[in-house]
């Protein structure tokens, strides 16, 4: 494993439909689930910053 990404390991529980949706998305895009999940987490951070700026 690349030490750059070894800062924190996370285990998540998904419903079968959530896991299937993630697998399908990864299959279509050719991207690993780890990259997809990281991107989604980063987008949450951006959304939080936007809402705090508008308050």
PDB file of N, CA and C in Angstrom:
ATOM      1  N   UNK A   1       0.844  -1.188   0.000  1.00  0.00           N
ATOM      2  CA  UNK A   1       0.000   0.000   0.000  1.00  0.00           C
ATOM      3  C   UNK A   1       0.876   1.234   0.000  1.00  0.00           C
ATOM      4  N   UNK A   2       0.484   2.218  -0.744  1.00  0.00           N
ATOM      5  CA  UNK A   2       1.201   3.482  -0.802  1.00  0.00           C
ATOM      6  C   UNK A   2       1.075   4.180   0.550  1.00  0.00           C
ATOM      7  N   UNK A   3       2.214   4.514   1.166  1.00  0.00           N
ATOM      8  CA  UNK A   3       2.188   5.122   2.492  1.00  0.00           C
ATOM      9  C   UNK A   3       1.496   6.473   2.492  1.00  0.00           C
ATOM     10  N   UNK A   4       1.450   7.135   1.363  1.00  0.00           N
ATOM     11  CA  UNK A   4       0.764   8.429   1.259  1.00  0.00           C
ATOM     12  C   UNK A   4      -0.692   8.296   1.681  1.00  0.00           C
ATOM     13  N   UNK A   5      -1.329   7.170   1.377  1.00  0.00           N
ATOM     14  CA  UNK A   5      -2.748   6.974   1.665  1.00  0.00           C
ATOM     15  C   UNK A   5      -2.985   6.177   2.943  1.00  0.00           C
ATOM     16  N   UNK A   6      -1.951   5.824   3.669  1.00  0.00           N
ATOM     17  CA  UNK A   6      -2.101   4.958   4.832  1.00  0.00           C
ATOM     18  C   UNK A   6      -2.411   5.723   6.115  1.00  0.00           C
ATOM     19  N   UNK A   7      -2.853   6.963   6.019  1.00  0.00           N
ATOM     20  CA  UNK A   7      -3.100   7.770   7.208  1.00  0.00           C
ATOM     21  C   UNK A   7      -4.254   7.237   8.041  1.00  0.00           C
ATOM     22  N   UNK A   8      -5.313   6.745   7.405  1.00  0.00           N
ATOM     23  CA  UNK A   8      -6.496   6.269   8.124  1.00  0.00           C
ATOM     24  C   UNK A   8      -7.187   5.216   7.291  1.00  0.00           C
ATOM     25  N   UNK A   9      -7.489   4.093   7.901  1.00  0.00           N
ATOM     26  CA  UNK A   9      -8.229   3.031   7.222  1.00  0.00           C
ATOM     27  C   UNK A   9      -9.647   3.064   7.753  1.00  0.00           C
ATOM     28  N   UNK A  10     -10.616   2.958   6.855  1.00  0.00           N
ATOM     29  CA  UNK A  10     -12.019   3.051   7.225  1.00  0.00           C
ATOM     30  C   UNK A  10     -12.775   1.849   6.685  1.00  0.00           C
ATOM     31  N   UNK A  11     -13.598   1.262   7.514  1.00  0.00           N
ATOM     32  CA  UNK A  11     -14.460   0.171   7.091  1.00  0.00           C
ATOM     33  C   UNK A  11     -15.896   0.671   7.150  1.00  0.00           C
ATOM     34  N   UNK A  12     -16.649   0.457   6.075  1.00  0.00           N
ATOM     35  CA  UNK A  12     -18.042   0.898   6.061  1.00  0.00           C
ATOM     36  C   UNK A  12     -18.956  -0.289   5.767  1.00  0.00           C
ATOM     37  N   UNK A  13     -20.163  -0.216   6.252  1.00  0.00           N
ATOM     38  CA  UNK A  13     -21.175  -1.225   5.985  1.00  0.00           C
ATOM     39  C   UNK A  13     -22.162  -0.646   4.990  1.00  0.00           C
ATOM     40  N   UNK A  14     -22.387  -1.353   3.901  1.00  0.00           N
ATOM     41  CA  UNK A  14     -23.322  -0.921   2.871  1.00  0.00           C
ATOM     42  C   UNK A  14     -24.438  -1.950   2.738  1.00  0.00           C
ATOM     43  N   UNK A  15     -25.623  -1.461   2.381  1.00  0.00           N
ATOM     44  CA  UNK A  15     -26.689  -2.392   2.045  1.00  0.00           C
ATOM     45  C   UNK A  15     -26.306  -3.045   0.720  1.00  0.00           C
ATOM     46  N   UNK A  16     -26.955  -4.128   0.387  1.00  0.00           N
ATOM     47  CA  UNK A  16     -26.635  -4.799  -0.871  1.00  0.00           C
ATOM     48  C   UNK A  16     -26.908  -3.883  -2.062  1.00  0.00           C
ATOM     49  N   UNK A  17     -27.952  -3.060  -1.987  1.00  0.00           N
ATOM     50  CA  UNK A  17     -28.248  -2.155  -3.111  1.00  0.00           C
ATOM     51  C   UNK A  17     -27.205  -1.037  -3.205  1.00  0.00           C
ATOM     52  N   UNK A  18     -26.713  -0.554  -2.064  1.00  0.00           N
ATOM     53  CA  UNK A  18     -25.661   0.463  -2.083  1.00  0.00           C
ATOM     54  C   UNK A  18     -24.370  -0.102  -2.666  1.00  0.00           C
ATOM     55  N   UNK A  19     -24.013  -1.320  -2.244  1.00  0.00           N
ATOM     56  CA  UNK A  19     -22.803  -1.960  -2.752  1.00  0.00           C
ATOM     57  C   UNK A  19     -22.917  -2.210  -4.253  1.00  0.00           C
ATOM     58  N   UNK A  20     -24.092  -2.651  -4.685  1.00  0.00           N
ATOM     59  CA  UNK A  20     -24.305  -2.899  -6.111  1.00  0.00           C
ATOM     60  C   UNK A  20     -24.195  -1.605  -6.914  1.00  0.00           C
ATOM     61  N   UNK A  21     -24.767  -0.531  -6.389  1.00  0.00           N
ATOM     62  CA  UNK A  21     -24.704   0.760  -7.081  1.00  0.00           C
ATOM     63  C   UNK A  21     -23.250   1.235  -7.200  1.00  0.00           C
ATOM     64  N   UNK A  22     -22.490   1.095  -6.132  1.00  0.00           N
ATOM     65  CA  UNK A  22     -21.076   1.483  -6.153  1.00  0.00           C
ATOM     66  C   UNK A  22     -20.298   0.625  -7.144  1.00  0.00           C
ATOM     67  N   UNK A  23     -20.518  -0.683  -7.123  1.00  0.00           N
ATOM     68  CA  UNK A  23     -19.820  -1.594  -8.044  1.00  0.00           C
ATOM     69  C   UNK A  23     -20.157  -1.270  -9.495  1.00  0.00           C
ATOM     70  N   UNK A  24     -21.424  -0.993  -9.777  1.00  0.00           N
ATOM     71  CA  UNK A  24     -21.829  -0.646 -11.143  1.00  0.00           C
ATOM     72  C   UNK A  24     -21.160   0.643 -11.593  1.00  0.00           C
ATOM     73  N   UNK A  25     -21.150   1.651 -10.711  1.00  0.00           N
ATOM     74  CA  UNK A  25     -20.523   2.929 -11.051  1.00  0.00           C
ATOM     75  C   UNK A  25     -19.036   2.734 -11.341  1.00  0.00           C
ATOM     76  N   UNK A  26     -18.375   1.962 -10.501  1.00  0.00           N
ATOM     77  CA  UNK A  26     -16.946   1.704 -10.685  1.00  0.00           C
ATOM     78  C   UNK A  26     -16.697   0.931 -11.982  1.00  0.00           C
ATOM     79  N   UNK A  27     -17.550   0.006 -12.301  1.00  0.00           N
ATOM     80  CA  UNK A  27     -17.416  -0.766 -13.532  1.00  0.00           C
ATOM     81  C   UNK A  27     -17.570   0.127 -14.756  1.00  0.00           C
ATOM     82  N   UNK A  28     -18.554   1.004 -14.714  1.00  0.00           N
ATOM     83  CA  UNK A  28     -18.820   1.910 -15.851  1.00  0.00           C
ATOM     84  C   UNK A  28     -17.682   2.910 -16.033  1.00  0.00           C
ATOM     85  N   UNK A  29     -17.202   3.480 -14.930  1.00  0.00           N
ATOM     86  CA  UNK A  29     -16.180   4.526 -15.012  1.00  0.00           C
ATOM     87  C   UNK A  29     -14.759   3.983 -15.044  1.00  0.00           C
ATOM     88  N   UNK A  30     -14.582   2.715 -14.638  1.00  0.00           N
ATOM     89  CA  UNK A  30     -13.244   2.143 -14.589  1.00  0.00           C
ATOM     90  C   UNK A  30     -12.427   2.650 -13.418  1.00  0.00           C
ATOM     91  N   UNK A  31     -13.084   3.235 -12.438  1.00  0.00           N
ATOM     92  CA  UNK A  31     -12.393   3.791 -11.270  1.00  0.00           C
ATOM     93  C   UNK A  31     -12.573   2.854 -10.075  1.00  0.00           C
ATOM     94  N   UNK A  32     -11.559   2.770  -9.211  1.00  0.00           N
ATOM     95  CA  UNK A  32     -11.700   1.951  -8.010  1.00  0.00           C
ATOM     96  C   UNK A  32     -12.641   2.618  -7.003  1.00  0.00           C
ATOM     97  N   UNK A  33     -13.298   1.799  -6.198  1.00  0.00           N
ATOM     98  CA  UNK A  33     -14.240   2.312  -5.204  1.00  0.00           C
ATOM     99  C   UNK A  33     -13.570   3.298  -4.247  1.00  0.00           C
ATOM    100  N   UNK A  34     -12.330   3.045  -3.896  1.00  0.00           N
ATOM    101  CA  UNK A  34     -11.611   3.938  -2.989  1.00  0.00           C
ATOM    102  C   UNK A  34     -11.559   5.356  -3.541  1.00  0.00           C
ATOM    103  N   UNK A  35     -11.260   5.495  -4.833  1.00  0.00           N
ATOM    104  CA  UNK A  35     -11.194   6.821  -5.444  1.00  0.00           C
ATOM    105  C   UNK A  35     -12.558   7.496  -5.458  1.00  0.00           C
ATOM    106  N   UNK A  36     -13.591   6.729  -5.772  1.00  0.00           N
ATOM    107  CA  UNK A  36     -14.950   7.271  -5.818  1.00  0.00           C
ATOM    108  C   UNK A  36     -15.363   7.773  -4.441  1.00  0.00           C
ATOM    109  N   UNK A  37     -15.106   6.986  -3.412  1.00  0.00           N
ATOM    110  CA  UNK A  37     -15.480   7.365  -2.047  1.00  0.00           C
ATOM    111  C   UNK A  37     -14.695   8.588  -1.590  1.00  0.00           C
ATOM    112  N   UNK A  38     -13.400   8.637  -1.893  1.00  0.00           N
ATOM    113  CA  UNK A  38     -12.601   9.821  -1.535  1.00  0.00           C
ATOM    114  C   UNK A  38     -13.167  11.076  -2.188  1.00  0.00           C
ATOM    115  N   UNK A  39     -13.516  10.966  -3.470  1.00  0.00           N
ATOM    116  CA  UNK A  39     -14.067  12.126  -4.179  1.00  0.00           C
ATOM    117  C   UNK A  39     -15.375  12.588  -3.539  1.00  0.00           C
ATOM    118  N   UNK A  40     -16.235  11.640  -3.166  1.00  0.00           N
ATOM    119  CA  UNK A  40     -17.501  12.001  -2.515  1.00  0.00           C
ATOM    120  C   UNK A  40     -17.255  12.685  -1.172  1.00  0.00           C
ATOM    121  N   UNK A  41     -16.293  12.202  -0.408  1.00  0.00           N
ATOM    122  CA  UNK A  41     -15.970  12.822   0.882  1.00  0.00           C
ATOM    123  C   UNK A  41     -15.446  14.231   0.672  1.00  0.00           C
ATOM    124  N   UNK A  42     -14.575  14.411  -0.304  1.00  0.00           N
ATOM    125  CA  UNK A  42     -14.050  15.760  -0.599  1.00  0.00           C
ATOM    126  C   UNK A  42     -15.169  16.707  -1.000  1.00  0.00           C
ATOM    127  N   UNK A  43     -16.153  16.213  -1.749  1.00  0.00           N
ATOM    128  CA  UNK A  43     -17.254  17.080  -2.168  1.00  0.00           C
ATOM    129  C   UNK A  43     -18.104  17.481  -0.962  1.00  0.00           C
ATOM    130  N   UNK A  44     -18.213  16.641   0.056  1.00  0.00           N
ATOM    131  CA  UNK A  44     -18.933  16.999   1.272  1.00  0.00           C
ATOM    132  C   UNK A  44     -18.253  18.157   1.978  1.00  0.00           C
ATOM    133  N   UNK A  45     -16.955  18.134   2.029  1.00  0.00           N
ATOM    134  CA  UNK A  45     -16.199  19.205   2.653  1.00  0.00           C
ATOM    135  C   UNK A  45     -16.456  20.529   1.938  1.00  0.00           C
ATOM    136  N   UNK A  46     -16.461  20.505   0.607  1.00  0.00           N
ATOM    137  CA  UNK A  46     -16.698  21.709  -0.180  1.00  0.00           C
ATOM    138  C   UNK A  46     -18.096  22.244   0.066  1.00  0.00           C
ATOM    139  N   UNK A  47     -19.080  21.360   0.156  1.00  0.00           N
ATOM    140  CA  UNK A  47     -20.454  21.797   0.404  1.00  0.00           C
ATOM    141  C   UNK A  47     -20.581  22.430   1.780  1.00  0.00           C
ATOM    142  N   UNK A  48     -19.912  21.897   2.769  1.00  0.00           N
ATOM    143  CA  UNK A  48     -19.945  22.456   4.121  1.00  0.00           C
ATOM    144  C   UNK A  48     -19.344  23.835   4.177  1.00  0.00           C
ATOM    145  N   UNK A  49     -18.264  24.052   3.434  1.00  0.00           N
ATOM    146  CA  UNK A  49     -17.617  25.366   3.405  1.00  0.00           C
ATOM    147  C   UNK A  49     -18.533  26.390   2.751  1.00  0.00           C
ATOM    148  N   UNK A  50     -19.237  25.997   1.684  1.00  0.00           N
ATOM    149  CA  UNK A  50     -20.134  26.913   0.985  1.00  0.00           C
ATOM    150  C   UNK A  50     -21.287  27.338   1.879  1.00  0.00           C
ATOM    151  N   UNK A  51     -21.876  26.398   2.622  1.00  0.00           N
ATOM    152  CA  UNK A  51     -23.023  26.734   3.456  1.00  0.00           C
ATOM    153  C   UNK A  51     -22.615  27.622   4.629  1.00  0.00           C
ATOM    154  N   UNK A  52     -21.391  27.454   5.154  1.00  0.00           N
ATOM    155  CA  UNK A  52     -20.961  28.302   6.256  1.00  0.00           C
ATOM    156  C   UNK A  52     -20.617  29.712   5.775  1.00  0.00           C
ATOM    157  N   UNK A  53     -20.208  29.852   4.509  1.00  0.00           N
ATOM    158  CA  UNK A  53     -19.909  31.178   3.958  1.00  0.00           C
ATOM    159  C   UNK A  53     -21.177  31.988   3.752  1.00  0.00           C
ATOM    160  N   UNK A  54     -22.278  31.325   3.385  1.00  0.00           N
ATOM    161  CA  UNK A  54     -23.516  32.034   3.089  1.00  0.00           C
ATOM    162  C   UNK A  54     -24.308  32.377   4.341  1.00  0.00           C
ATOM    163  N   UNK A  55     -23.890  31.884   5.506  1.00  0.00           N
ATOM    164  CA  UNK A  55     -24.623  32.134   6.759  1.00  0.00           C
ATOM    165  C   UNK A  55     -24.359  33.532   7.289  1.00  0.00           C
TER     166      UNK A  55
END
